[in-house]
Amino acid sequence: MAKEEALTFDGVIDEILPDARFGVVLENGHRIIAYTAGRMRRFRIRSVVGDAVRVEMTPYDLSKGRVVYRERGSSPVGGQRKRR
């Protein structure tokens, strides 16, 4: 049996929830609950409300997803960090 491919959508974080979960509004207008992917946790990539993100979802449950990428420069607060 072949594994189903994940669906990828772009969206914007609109709410921060407990346990590293986010409310994300997709480009098609649907709202889902998403959690951060393992690599984002490993490299401590922070996400805030208003960030543009890429979300992967399984075709079996279209109400939940995984945040796999945060667009650079989309953070409304904090701005650019200085490198040392």
Foldseek 3Di string as FASTA:
>chain_A
DDDADWDKFKWFFAAADPPQWTWTQTPVGDIAIEHEDPVCVVVVPDDDGQWIFMWIHGPVDPRYTYTDGTDPPRDPPDGDDDDD
